[in-house]
Amino acid sequence: MTAETTAPEWMHRQITGERYDSWTAEQCAGIEIVDGMVVASPSASKRHNRLARLLANALDEAGGVEWNADTDVDVRLRDVPLDNRRPDVVVYRADTVDESPTRPGHVLLLVEVVSPGSETTDRVVKPDQYARAGIPFHWRVEQAAGRVPVVHTYVLDAAAGAYRAGELFTGLVKAVAPYPVELDLSGL
């Protein structure tokens, strides 16, 4: 292997929350920390980013003054070993907007838009981590080019420590909680 194809040395060491918090936004962009190790994520497609942004905007409007919805937000699921995920959309309590890192207790809903190459992570790994962290609601959005998005909704069963399937939406999306949301996704 040449120096150009070798991952930086810091990617091979376990990362603590303190160390991650000392990095710049540029260093944190495009990565997540799972079990203390850096996981690099390729840039999402324009279709993926557009859908996430439209969902975040609709959820933000529906949340009123009590909830915010944003893209590109780190969620600190666990401190040791560090699990720091960056879901596509995060709906969190508005009164925690200045708190960093964002913790599971701040979050109502996490949304993952499935992309080629991230199917297993988005369908299996992340929902398990989100459920263990106690995130009450999780949505998984799937969209093939030229097709209407499909939104799979999940509600946390706290006793089981896992999500149970909620409703399935295509085209027009109406959120079940915390507020009614309508978003026509059929034109994407």
N, C-alpha and C. Protein backbone atom coordinates (compact mmCIF):
# COMPACT_ATOMS: atom_id res chain seq x y z
N MET A 1 0.82 -1.19 0.00
CA MET A 1 0.00 0.00 0.00
C MET A 1 0.86 1.24 0.00
N THR A 2 0.45 2.22 -0.77
CA THR A 2 1.18 3.47 -0.79
C THR A 2 0.63 4.41 0.28
N ALA A 3 1.37 5.45 0.55
CA ALA A 3 0.94 6.43 1.56
C ALA A 3 -0.40 7.04 1.19
N GLU A 4 -0.69 7.20 -0.11
CA GLU A 4 -1.94 7.80 -0.53
C GLU A 4 -3.15 6.92 -0.23
N THR A 5 -2.97 5.61 -0.18
CA THR A 5 -4.11 4.72 0.03
C THR A 5 -4.21 4.22 1.46
N THR A 6 -3.32 4.62 2.31
CA THR A 6 -3.34 4.18 3.70
C THR A 6 -4.18 5.16 4.52
N ALA A 7 -5.09 4.62 5.31
CA ALA A 7 -5.91 5.47 6.17
C ALA A 7 -5.02 6.15 7.21
N PRO A 8 -5.37 7.37 7.60
CA PRO A 8 -4.56 8.07 8.61
C PRO A 8 -4.49 7.25 9.90
N GLU A 9 -3.38 7.41 10.61
CA GLU A 9 -3.13 6.64 11.84
C GLU A 9 -4.25 6.81 12.85
N TRP A 10 -4.82 8.02 12.97
CA TRP A 10 -5.85 8.25 13.98
C TRP A 10 -7.12 7.45 13.72
N MET A 11 -7.32 6.96 12.49
CA MET A 11 -8.50 6.16 12.18
C MET A 11 -8.37 4.74 12.73
N HIS A 12 -7.19 4.36 13.19
CA HIS A 12 -6.97 3.02 13.68
C HIS A 12 -6.94 2.95 15.21
N ARG A 13 -7.18 4.07 15.87
CA ARG A 13 -7.19 4.11 17.33
C ARG A 13 -8.59 4.38 17.84
N GLN A 14 -8.91 3.83 19.01
CA GLN A 14 -10.21 4.08 19.62
C GLN A 14 -10.33 5.56 19.98
N ILE A 15 -11.45 6.15 19.62
CA ILE A 15 -11.69 7.57 19.82
C ILE A 15 -12.59 7.75 21.05
N THR A 16 -12.20 8.65 21.94
CA THR A 16 -13.02 8.98 23.10
C THR A 16 -13.91 10.17 22.75
N GLY A 17 -14.95 10.37 23.57
CA GLY A 17 -15.82 11.52 23.38
C GLY A 17 -15.05 12.82 23.51
N GLU A 18 -14.15 12.88 24.47
CA GLU A 18 -13.35 14.10 24.67
C GLU A 18 -12.51 14.41 23.44
N ARG A 19 -11.91 13.39 22.88
CA ARG A 19 -11.08 13.60 21.70
C ARG A 19 -11.93 14.03 20.51
N TYR A 20 -13.05 13.35 20.31
CA TYR A 20 -13.94 13.70 19.19
C TYR A 20 -14.42 15.14 19.32
N ASP A 21 -14.78 15.54 20.54
CA ASP A 21 -15.28 16.90 20.76
C ASP A 21 -14.21 17.96 20.51
N SER A 22 -12.93 17.58 20.53
CA SER A 22 -11.85 18.55 20.28
C SER A 22 -11.59 18.75 18.78
N TRP A 23 -12.14 17.88 17.93
CA TRP A 23 -11.91 17.99 16.50
C TRP A 23 -12.72 19.12 15.90
N THR A 24 -12.26 19.63 14.76
CA THR A 24 -12.98 20.68 14.05
C THR A 24 -14.17 20.06 13.31
N ALA A 25 -15.09 20.92 12.89
CA ALA A 25 -16.24 20.47 12.11
C ALA A 25 -15.77 19.79 10.82
N GLU A 26 -14.70 20.30 10.23
CA GLU A 26 -14.15 19.72 9.01
C GLU A 26 -13.66 18.28 9.26
N GLN A 27 -13.02 18.05 10.41
CA GLN A 27 -12.53 16.71 10.73
C GLN A 27 -13.69 15.74 10.99
N CYS A 28 -14.79 16.23 11.50
CA CYS A 28 -15.94 15.38 11.85
C CYS A 28 -16.87 15.13 10.67
N ALA A 29 -16.76 15.93 9.62
CA ALA A 29 -17.64 15.80 8.46
C ALA A 29 -17.44 14.45 7.79
N GLY A 30 -18.55 13.81 7.48
CA GLY A 30 -18.49 12.56 6.74
C GLY A 30 -18.06 11.35 7.53
N ILE A 31 -18.03 11.46 8.87
CA ILE A 31 -17.68 10.30 9.68
C ILE A 31 -18.70 10.10 10.79
N GLU A 32 -18.76 8.90 11.28
CA GLU A 32 -19.48 8.56 12.49
C GLU A 32 -18.52 7.74 13.35
N ILE A 33 -18.80 7.67 14.63
CA ILE A 33 -17.97 6.87 15.54
C ILE A 33 -18.84 5.73 16.06
N VAL A 34 -18.39 4.50 15.84
CA VAL A 34 -19.13 3.32 16.27
C VAL A 34 -18.19 2.45 17.11
N ASP A 35 -18.59 2.17 18.33
CA ASP A 35 -17.76 1.41 19.25
C ASP A 35 -16.37 2.03 19.38
N GLY A 36 -16.33 3.36 19.32
CA GLY A 36 -15.08 4.08 19.49
C GLY A 36 -14.21 4.17 18.26
N MET A 37 -14.65 3.58 17.16
CA MET A 37 -13.83 3.59 15.94
C MET A 37 -14.48 4.45 14.87
N VAL A 38 -13.65 5.11 14.07
CA VAL A 38 -14.13 5.98 13.01
C VAL A 38 -14.70 5.15 11.88
N VAL A 39 -15.89 5.54 11.43
CA VAL A 39 -16.53 4.93 10.26
C VAL A 39 -16.73 6.06 9.26
N ALA A 40 -16.03 6.00 8.14
CA ALA A 40 -16.15 7.04 7.12
C ALA A 40 -17.36 6.74 6.25
N SER A 41 -18.09 7.78 5.92
CA SER A 41 -19.27 7.65 5.07
C SER A 41 -19.05 8.43 3.79
N PRO A 42 -19.34 7.82 2.65
CA PRO A 42 -19.20 8.57 1.40
C PRO A 42 -20.28 9.66 1.33
N SER A 43 -20.05 10.66 0.54
CA SER A 43 -21.04 11.72 0.37
C SER A 43 -22.32 11.14 -0.20
N ALA A 44 -23.45 11.63 0.30
CA ALA A 44 -24.75 11.17 -0.17
C ALA A 44 -25.06 11.82 -1.52
N SER A 45 -25.97 11.20 -2.24
CA SER A 45 -26.38 11.73 -3.54
C SER A 45 -27.24 12.98 -3.35
N LYS A 46 -27.39 13.73 -4.43
CA LYS A 46 -28.25 14.91 -4.37
C LYS A 46 -29.69 14.50 -4.06
N ARG A 47 -30.16 13.39 -4.63
CA ARG A 47 -31.52 12.90 -4.37
C ARG A 47 -31.69 12.60 -2.87
N HIS A 48 -30.71 11.94 -2.30
CA HIS A 48 -30.72 11.61 -0.88
C HIS A 48 -30.78 12.88 -0.03
N ASN A 49 -29.90 13.83 -0.30
CA ASN A 49 -29.84 15.07 0.47
C ASN A 49 -31.11 15.90 0.32
N ARG A 50 -31.66 15.93 -0.89
CA ARG A 50 -32.90 16.70 -1.12
C ARG A 50 -34.05 16.11 -0.33
N LEU A 51 -34.19 14.82 -0.36
CA LEU A 51 -35.28 14.16 0.38
C LEU A 51 -35.12 14.40 1.89
N ALA A 52 -33.91 14.27 2.40
CA ALA A 52 -33.67 14.53 3.83
C ALA A 52 -34.02 15.97 4.19
N ARG A 53 -33.61 16.91 3.34
CA ARG A 53 -33.89 18.32 3.61
C ARG A 53 -35.38 18.61 3.59
N LEU A 54 -36.11 18.06 2.59
CA LEU A 54 -37.56 18.27 2.52
C LEU A 54 -38.26 17.70 3.75
N LEU A 55 -37.84 16.52 4.17
CA LEU A 55 -38.43 15.92 5.38
C LEU A 55 -38.12 16.78 6.61
N ALA A 56 -36.87 17.22 6.73
CA ALA A 56 -36.50 18.05 7.88
C ALA A 56 -37.30 19.34 7.90
N ASN A 57 -37.47 19.97 6.75
CA ASN A 57 -38.24 21.22 6.69
C ASN A 57 -39.68 21.00 7.11
N ALA A 58 -40.32 19.93 6.61
CA ALA A 58 -41.71 19.65 6.96
C ALA A 58 -41.85 19.32 8.44
N LEU A 59 -40.93 18.51 8.96
CA LEU A 59 -40.98 18.16 10.38
C LEU A 59 -40.69 19.36 11.26
N ASP A 60 -39.79 20.23 10.83
CA ASP A 60 -39.48 21.44 11.60
C ASP A 60 -40.71 22.35 11.69
N GLU A 61 -41.39 22.51 10.58
CA GLU A 61 -42.60 23.34 10.57
C GLU A 61 -43.68 22.73 11.45
N ALA A 62 -43.82 21.42 11.40
CA ALA A 62 -44.84 20.74 12.21
C ALA A 62 -44.53 20.79 13.70
N GLY A 63 -43.25 20.87 14.05
CA GLY A 63 -42.85 20.85 15.46
C GLY A 63 -43.16 22.13 16.20
N GLY A 64 -43.48 23.18 15.48
CA GLY A 64 -43.79 24.45 16.15
C GLY A 64 -42.61 24.93 16.96
N VAL A 65 -42.89 25.51 18.12
CA VAL A 65 -41.82 26.06 18.96
C VAL A 65 -41.20 25.02 19.88
N GLU A 66 -41.81 23.85 19.98
CA GLU A 66 -41.33 22.83 20.93
C GLU A 66 -40.25 21.92 20.38
N TRP A 67 -40.24 21.70 19.06
CA TRP A 67 -39.30 20.75 18.45
C TRP A 67 -38.61 21.38 17.26
N ASN A 68 -37.36 21.04 17.05
CA ASN A 68 -36.60 21.43 15.86
C ASN A 68 -36.30 20.17 15.07
N ALA A 69 -36.19 20.32 13.75
CA ALA A 69 -35.75 19.22 12.90
C ALA A 69 -34.63 19.74 12.03
N ASP A 70 -33.51 19.03 12.02
CA ASP A 70 -32.35 19.46 11.27
C ASP A 70 -31.65 18.28 10.61
N THR A 71 -30.85 18.60 9.60
CA THR A 71 -29.94 17.63 9.00
C THR A 71 -28.55 17.93 9.53
N ASP A 72 -27.64 17.01 9.36
CA ASP A 72 -26.23 17.19 9.74
C ASP A 72 -26.03 17.50 11.22
N VAL A 73 -26.67 16.68 12.06
CA VAL A 73 -26.56 16.82 13.52
C VAL A 73 -25.98 15.53 14.08
N ASP A 74 -24.93 15.65 14.89
CA ASP A 74 -24.39 14.49 15.59
C ASP A 74 -25.30 14.14 16.77
N VAL A 75 -25.51 12.85 16.98
CA VAL A 75 -26.25 12.38 18.15
C VAL A 75 -25.34 11.44 18.92
N ARG A 76 -25.04 11.78 20.16
CA ARG A 76 -24.16 10.98 21.01
C ARG A 76 -25.01 9.90 21.68
N LEU A 77 -25.00 8.70 21.11
CA LEU A 77 -25.81 7.59 21.61
C LEU A 77 -25.22 6.97 22.87
N ARG A 78 -23.89 6.96 22.95
CA ARG A 78 -23.21 6.32 24.08
C ARG A 78 -21.82 6.92 24.20
N ASP A 79 -21.34 7.06 25.45
CA ASP A 79 -20.03 7.66 25.68
C ASP A 79 -18.89 6.65 25.68
N VAL A 80 -19.12 5.45 26.24
CA VAL A 80 -18.04 4.47 26.34
C VAL A 80 -18.57 3.09 25.97
N PRO A 81 -18.01 2.46 24.92
CA PRO A 81 -17.20 3.11 23.90
C PRO A 81 -18.08 4.10 23.14
N LEU A 82 -17.47 5.08 22.55
CA LEU A 82 -18.18 6.17 21.90
C LEU A 82 -18.99 5.68 20.70
N ASP A 83 -20.29 6.03 20.71
CA ASP A 83 -21.17 5.83 19.56
C ASP A 83 -21.74 7.20 19.23
N ASN A 84 -21.30 7.75 18.13
CA ASN A 84 -21.72 9.08 17.70
C ASN A 84 -22.22 8.95 16.26
N ARG A 85 -23.52 9.03 16.08
CA ARG A 85 -24.12 8.87 14.75
C ARG A 85 -24.58 10.21 14.21
N ARG A 86 -24.71 10.29 12.90
CA ARG A 86 -25.20 11.48 12.22
C ARG A 86 -26.36 11.06 11.32
N PRO A 87 -27.57 10.94 11.91
CA PRO A 87 -28.74 10.56 11.10
C PRO A 87 -29.04 11.61 10.03
N ASP A 88 -29.82 11.23 9.04
CA ASP A 88 -30.15 12.17 7.97
C ASP A 88 -31.03 13.30 8.47
N VAL A 89 -31.96 13.01 9.38
CA VAL A 89 -32.81 14.03 10.00
C VAL A 89 -32.91 13.72 11.48
N VAL A 90 -32.77 14.76 12.30
CA VAL A 90 -32.90 14.62 13.75
C VAL A 90 -33.99 15.60 14.21
N VAL A 91 -35.00 15.07 14.90
CA VAL A 91 -36.04 15.91 15.50
C VAL A 91 -35.74 15.92 17.00
N TYR A 92 -35.45 17.12 17.53
CA TYR A 92 -35.01 17.23 18.92
C TYR A 92 -35.75 18.38 19.61
N ARG A 93 -35.77 18.33 20.94
CA ARG A 93 -36.44 19.38 21.74
C ARG A 93 -35.79 20.73 21.47
N ALA A 94 -36.62 21.73 21.20
CA ALA A 94 -36.12 23.07 20.88
C ALA A 94 -35.30 23.66 22.03
N ASP A 95 -35.63 23.30 23.26
CA ASP A 95 -34.90 23.87 24.40
C ASP A 95 -33.49 23.31 24.53
N THR A 96 -33.11 22.35 23.68
CA THR A 96 -31.76 21.78 23.73
C THR A 96 -30.92 22.22 22.53
N VAL A 97 -31.38 23.23 21.78
CA VAL A 97 -30.69 23.66 20.56
C VAL A 97 -29.24 24.04 20.81
N ASP A 98 -28.92 24.58 21.98
CA ASP A 98 -27.54 24.99 22.26
C ASP A 98 -26.74 23.96 23.04
N GLU A 99 -27.34 22.82 23.35
CA GLU A 99 -26.62 21.78 24.09
C GLU A 99 -25.83 20.91 23.13
N SER A 100 -24.60 20.65 23.49
CA SER A 100 -23.75 19.81 22.66
C SER A 100 -22.93 18.90 23.56
N PRO A 101 -22.90 17.63 23.27
CA PRO A 101 -23.51 16.97 22.13
C PRO A 101 -25.01 16.74 22.34
N THR A 102 -25.71 16.49 21.24
CA THR A 102 -27.12 16.11 21.30
C THR A 102 -27.18 14.69 21.86
N ARG A 103 -28.00 14.51 22.88
CA ARG A 103 -28.12 13.22 23.56
C ARG A 103 -29.46 12.56 23.24
N PRO A 104 -29.59 11.24 23.45
CA PRO A 104 -30.86 10.56 23.19
C PRO A 104 -32.06 11.20 23.91
N GLY A 105 -31.87 11.72 25.11
CA GLY A 105 -32.96 12.36 25.83
C GLY A 105 -33.45 13.63 25.19
N HIS A 106 -32.69 14.20 24.28
CA HIS A 106 -33.08 15.41 23.57
C HIS A 106 -33.92 15.08 22.34
N VAL A 107 -33.86 13.81 21.88
CA VAL A 107 -34.36 13.42 20.56
C VAL A 107 -35.71 12.72 20.65
N LEU A 108 -36.60 13.10 19.72
CA LEU A 108 -37.88 12.42 19.58
C LEU A 108 -37.84 11.42 18.43
N LEU A 109 -37.26 11.82 17.30
CA LEU A 109 -37.31 11.03 16.08
C LEU A 109 -35.99 11.14 15.34
N LEU A 110 -35.52 9.99 14.82
CA LEU A 110 -34.36 9.96 13.92
C LEU A 110 -34.82 9.37 12.59
N VAL A 111 -34.40 9.99 11.50
CA VAL A 111 -34.78 9.53 10.16
C VAL A 111 -33.51 9.15 9.40
N GLU A 112 -33.54 7.99 8.79
CA GLU A 112 -32.46 7.54 7.92
C GLU A 112 -33.01 7.35 6.51
N VAL A 113 -32.37 7.99 5.54
CA VAL A 113 -32.69 7.80 4.13
C VAL A 113 -31.69 6.77 3.61
N VAL A 114 -32.20 5.64 3.15
CA VAL A 114 -31.34 4.55 2.72
C VAL A 114 -30.70 4.88 1.38
N SER A 115 -29.40 4.67 1.30
CA SER A 115 -28.64 4.90 0.06
C SER A 115 -27.94 3.61 -0.34
N PRO A 116 -27.63 3.47 -1.63
CA PRO A 116 -26.85 2.30 -2.04
C PRO A 116 -25.54 2.25 -1.25
N GLY A 117 -25.23 1.10 -0.73
CA GLY A 117 -24.01 0.92 0.05
C GLY A 117 -24.25 1.04 1.55
N SER A 118 -25.40 1.58 1.95
CA SER A 118 -25.67 1.71 3.39
C SER A 118 -26.91 0.93 3.82
N GLU A 119 -27.39 0.05 2.96
CA GLU A 119 -28.65 -0.64 3.24
C GLU A 119 -28.64 -1.40 4.56
N THR A 120 -27.66 -2.24 4.79
CA THR A 120 -27.61 -3.03 6.03
C THR A 120 -27.46 -2.13 7.24
N THR A 121 -26.59 -1.15 7.15
CA THR A 121 -26.40 -0.24 8.28
C THR A 121 -27.69 0.49 8.60
N ASP A 122 -28.36 1.03 7.57
CA ASP A 122 -29.58 1.81 7.79
C ASP A 122 -30.78 0.95 8.18
N ARG A 123 -30.83 -0.29 7.73
CA ARG A 123 -31.99 -1.15 8.01
C ARG A 123 -31.83 -1.98 9.28
N VAL A 124 -30.60 -2.29 9.69
CA VAL A 124 -30.39 -3.19 10.82
C VAL A 124 -29.57 -2.56 11.94
N VAL A 125 -28.37 -2.10 11.62
CA VAL A 125 -27.43 -1.64 12.65
C VAL A 125 -27.93 -0.39 13.37
N LYS A 126 -28.23 0.66 12.61
CA LYS A 126 -28.64 1.91 13.23
C LYS A 126 -29.94 1.79 14.03
N PRO A 127 -30.99 1.13 13.51
CA PRO A 127 -32.20 0.99 14.33
C PRO A 127 -31.94 0.28 15.66
N ASP A 128 -31.08 -0.71 15.65
CA ASP A 128 -30.74 -1.40 16.91
C ASP A 128 -30.04 -0.44 17.87
N GLN A 129 -29.10 0.35 17.37
CA GLN A 129 -28.40 1.32 18.23
C GLN A 129 -29.37 2.39 18.74
N TYR A 130 -30.27 2.87 17.89
CA TYR A 130 -31.22 3.90 18.29
C TYR A 130 -32.19 3.36 19.34
N ALA A 131 -32.62 2.13 19.18
CA ALA A 131 -33.53 1.52 20.16
C ALA A 131 -32.82 1.35 21.51
N ARG A 132 -31.58 0.86 21.50
CA ARG A 132 -30.83 0.70 22.75
C ARG A 132 -30.61 2.04 23.44
N ALA A 133 -30.52 3.12 22.67
CA ALA A 133 -30.32 4.45 23.24
C ALA A 133 -31.63 5.05 23.75
N GLY A 134 -32.77 4.43 23.39
CA GLY A 134 -34.07 4.91 23.88
C GLY A 134 -34.72 5.99 23.03
N ILE A 135 -34.36 6.09 21.76
CA ILE A 135 -34.99 7.07 20.88
C ILE A 135 -36.42 6.60 20.60
N PRO A 136 -37.44 7.42 20.94
CA PRO A 136 -38.83 6.95 20.86
C PRO A 136 -39.33 6.58 19.46
N PHE A 137 -38.92 7.32 18.42
CA PHE A 137 -39.42 7.05 17.08
C PHE A 137 -38.26 7.02 16.09
N HIS A 138 -38.41 6.16 15.07
CA HIS A 138 -37.40 6.03 14.02
C HIS A 138 -38.14 5.85 12.70
N TRP A 139 -37.69 6.57 11.67
CA TRP A 139 -38.22 6.38 10.32
C TRP A 139 -37.08 5.94 9.41
N ARG A 140 -37.40 5.01 8.50
CA ARG A 140 -36.46 4.61 7.46
C ARG A 140 -37.13 4.93 6.13
N VAL A 141 -36.46 5.73 5.31
CA VAL A 141 -37.03 6.18 4.05
C VAL A 141 -36.24 5.53 2.91
N GLU A 142 -36.98 4.92 1.98
CA GLU A 142 -36.34 4.28 0.85
C GLU A 142 -36.90 4.89 -0.42
N GLN A 143 -36.00 5.19 -1.37
CA GLN A 143 -36.44 5.77 -2.63
C GLN A 143 -35.52 5.34 -3.75
N ALA A 144 -36.10 4.72 -4.74
CA ALA A 144 -35.36 4.38 -5.95
C ALA A 144 -35.59 5.50 -6.96
N ALA A 145 -34.64 5.72 -7.84
CA ALA A 145 -34.77 6.77 -8.86
C ALA A 145 -36.07 6.59 -9.63
N GLY A 146 -36.81 7.68 -9.77
CA GLY A 146 -38.06 7.64 -10.52
C GLY A 146 -39.23 7.04 -9.78
N ARG A 147 -39.06 6.74 -8.52
CA ARG A 147 -40.14 6.13 -7.73
C ARG A 147 -40.50 7.03 -6.57
N VAL A 148 -41.69 6.82 -6.04
CA VAL A 148 -42.17 7.56 -4.87
C VAL A 148 -41.48 7.00 -3.63
N PRO A 149 -41.02 7.87 -2.74
CA PRO A 149 -40.39 7.38 -1.50
C PRO A 149 -41.36 6.57 -0.65
N VAL A 150 -40.81 5.61 0.05
CA VAL A 150 -41.57 4.79 0.99
C VAL A 150 -41.00 5.08 2.38
N VAL A 151 -41.87 5.44 3.32
CA VAL A 151 -41.44 5.76 4.67
C VAL A 151 -41.93 4.66 5.61
N HIS A 152 -40.97 3.96 6.21
CA HIS A 152 -41.27 2.93 7.21
C HIS A 152 -41.15 3.61 8.57
N THR A 153 -42.20 3.55 9.38
CA THR A 153 -42.15 4.19 10.69
C THR A 153 -42.05 3.11 11.77
N TYR A 154 -41.33 3.44 12.84
CA TYR A 154 -41.11 2.51 13.95
C TYR A 154 -41.30 3.25 15.26
N VAL A 155 -41.88 2.53 16.22
CA VAL A 155 -42.12 3.06 17.55
C VAL A 155 -41.36 2.19 18.54
N LEU A 156 -40.67 2.81 19.48
CA LEU A 156 -39.87 2.06 20.45
C LEU A 156 -40.77 1.30 21.41
N ASP A 157 -40.54 0.02 21.55
CA ASP A 157 -41.14 -0.80 22.60
C ASP A 157 -40.09 -0.86 23.70
N ALA A 158 -40.25 0.01 24.69
CA ALA A 158 -39.23 0.14 25.74
C ALA A 158 -39.00 -1.16 26.49
N ALA A 159 -40.05 -1.93 26.72
CA ALA A 159 -39.92 -3.19 27.46
C ALA A 159 -39.05 -4.18 26.69
N ALA A 160 -39.21 -4.22 25.38
CA ALA A 160 -38.43 -5.15 24.55
C ALA A 160 -37.08 -4.56 24.15
N GLY A 161 -36.94 -3.24 24.28
CA GLY A 161 -35.69 -2.60 23.86
C GLY A 161 -35.49 -2.64 22.36
N ALA A 162 -36.60 -2.66 21.62
CA ALA A 162 -36.54 -2.73 20.16
C ALA A 162 -37.71 -1.96 19.57
N TYR A 163 -37.61 -1.67 18.28
CA TYR A 163 -38.70 -0.99 17.61
C TYR A 163 -39.73 -1.98 17.11
N ARG A 164 -40.99 -1.54 17.13
CA ARG A 164 -42.05 -2.30 16.48
C ARG A 164 -42.49 -1.47 15.29
N ALA A 165 -42.89 -2.16 14.23
CA ALA A 165 -43.28 -1.46 13.02
C ALA A 165 -44.51 -0.62 13.26
N GLY A 166 -44.48 0.58 12.72
CA GLY A 166 -45.64 1.47 12.73
C GLY A 166 -46.28 1.43 11.36
N GLU A 167 -46.76 2.58 10.92
CA GLU A 167 -47.41 2.65 9.62
C GLU A 167 -46.38 2.78 8.50
N LEU A 168 -46.84 2.46 7.31
CA LEU A 168 -46.02 2.56 6.10
C LEU A 168 -46.66 3.63 5.22
N PHE A 169 -45.85 4.57 4.73
CA PHE A 169 -46.38 5.66 3.92
C PHE A 169 -45.67 5.72 2.58
N THR A 170 -46.42 6.09 1.56
CA THR A 170 -45.84 6.41 0.26
C THR A 170 -46.53 7.67 -0.24
N GLY A 171 -45.83 8.44 -1.03
CA GLY A 171 -46.42 9.65 -1.60
C GLY A 171 -46.68 10.71 -0.56
N LEU A 172 -47.88 10.73 0.01
CA LEU A 172 -48.23 11.70 1.03
C LEU A 172 -47.89 11.14 2.39
N VAL A 173 -47.07 11.83 3.15
CA VAL A 173 -46.62 11.36 4.46
C VAL A 173 -47.33 12.13 5.54
N LYS A 174 -47.89 11.42 6.51
CA LYS A 174 -48.50 12.06 7.68
C LYS A 174 -47.84 11.46 8.91
N ALA A 175 -47.19 12.29 9.69
CA ALA A 175 -46.50 11.81 10.89
C ALA A 175 -47.50 11.40 11.95
N VAL A 176 -47.19 10.36 12.71
CA VAL A 176 -48.07 9.93 13.80
C VAL A 176 -47.75 10.67 15.09
N ALA A 177 -46.56 11.21 15.20
CA ALA A 177 -46.21 11.93 16.42
C ALA A 177 -45.00 12.79 16.13
N PRO A 178 -44.80 13.87 16.79
CA PRO A 178 -45.63 14.44 17.84
C PRO A 178 -46.75 15.30 17.29
N TYR A 179 -46.63 15.73 16.02
CA TYR A 179 -47.63 16.61 15.42
C TYR A 179 -47.97 16.09 14.03
N PRO A 180 -49.16 16.41 13.55
CA PRO A 180 -49.48 15.97 12.18
C PRO A 180 -48.56 16.64 11.16
N VAL A 181 -48.07 15.87 10.22
CA VAL A 181 -47.21 16.38 9.16
C VAL A 181 -47.74 15.86 7.85
N GLU A 182 -47.87 16.73 6.87
CA GLU A 182 -48.22 16.28 5.53
C GLU A 182 -47.14 16.76 4.58
N LEU A 183 -46.65 15.87 3.77
CA LEU A 183 -45.60 16.21 2.81
C LEU A 183 -45.83 15.37 1.57
N ASP A 184 -46.03 16.00 0.43
CA ASP A 184 -46.22 15.29 -0.80
C ASP A 184 -44.85 14.95 -1.38
N LEU A 185 -44.49 13.69 -1.31
CA LEU A 185 -43.18 13.25 -1.78
C LEU A 185 -43.23 12.69 -3.21
N SER A 186 -44.40 12.68 -3.80
CA SER A 186 -44.55 12.01 -5.09
C SER A 186 -43.81 12.71 -6.22
N GLY A 187 -43.49 14.01 -6.07
CA GLY A 187 -42.81 14.73 -7.14
C GLY A 187 -41.30 14.63 -7.12
N LEU A 188 -40.73 13.89 -6.17
CA LEU A 188 -39.27 13.81 -6.08
C LEU A 188 -38.71 12.83 -7.07
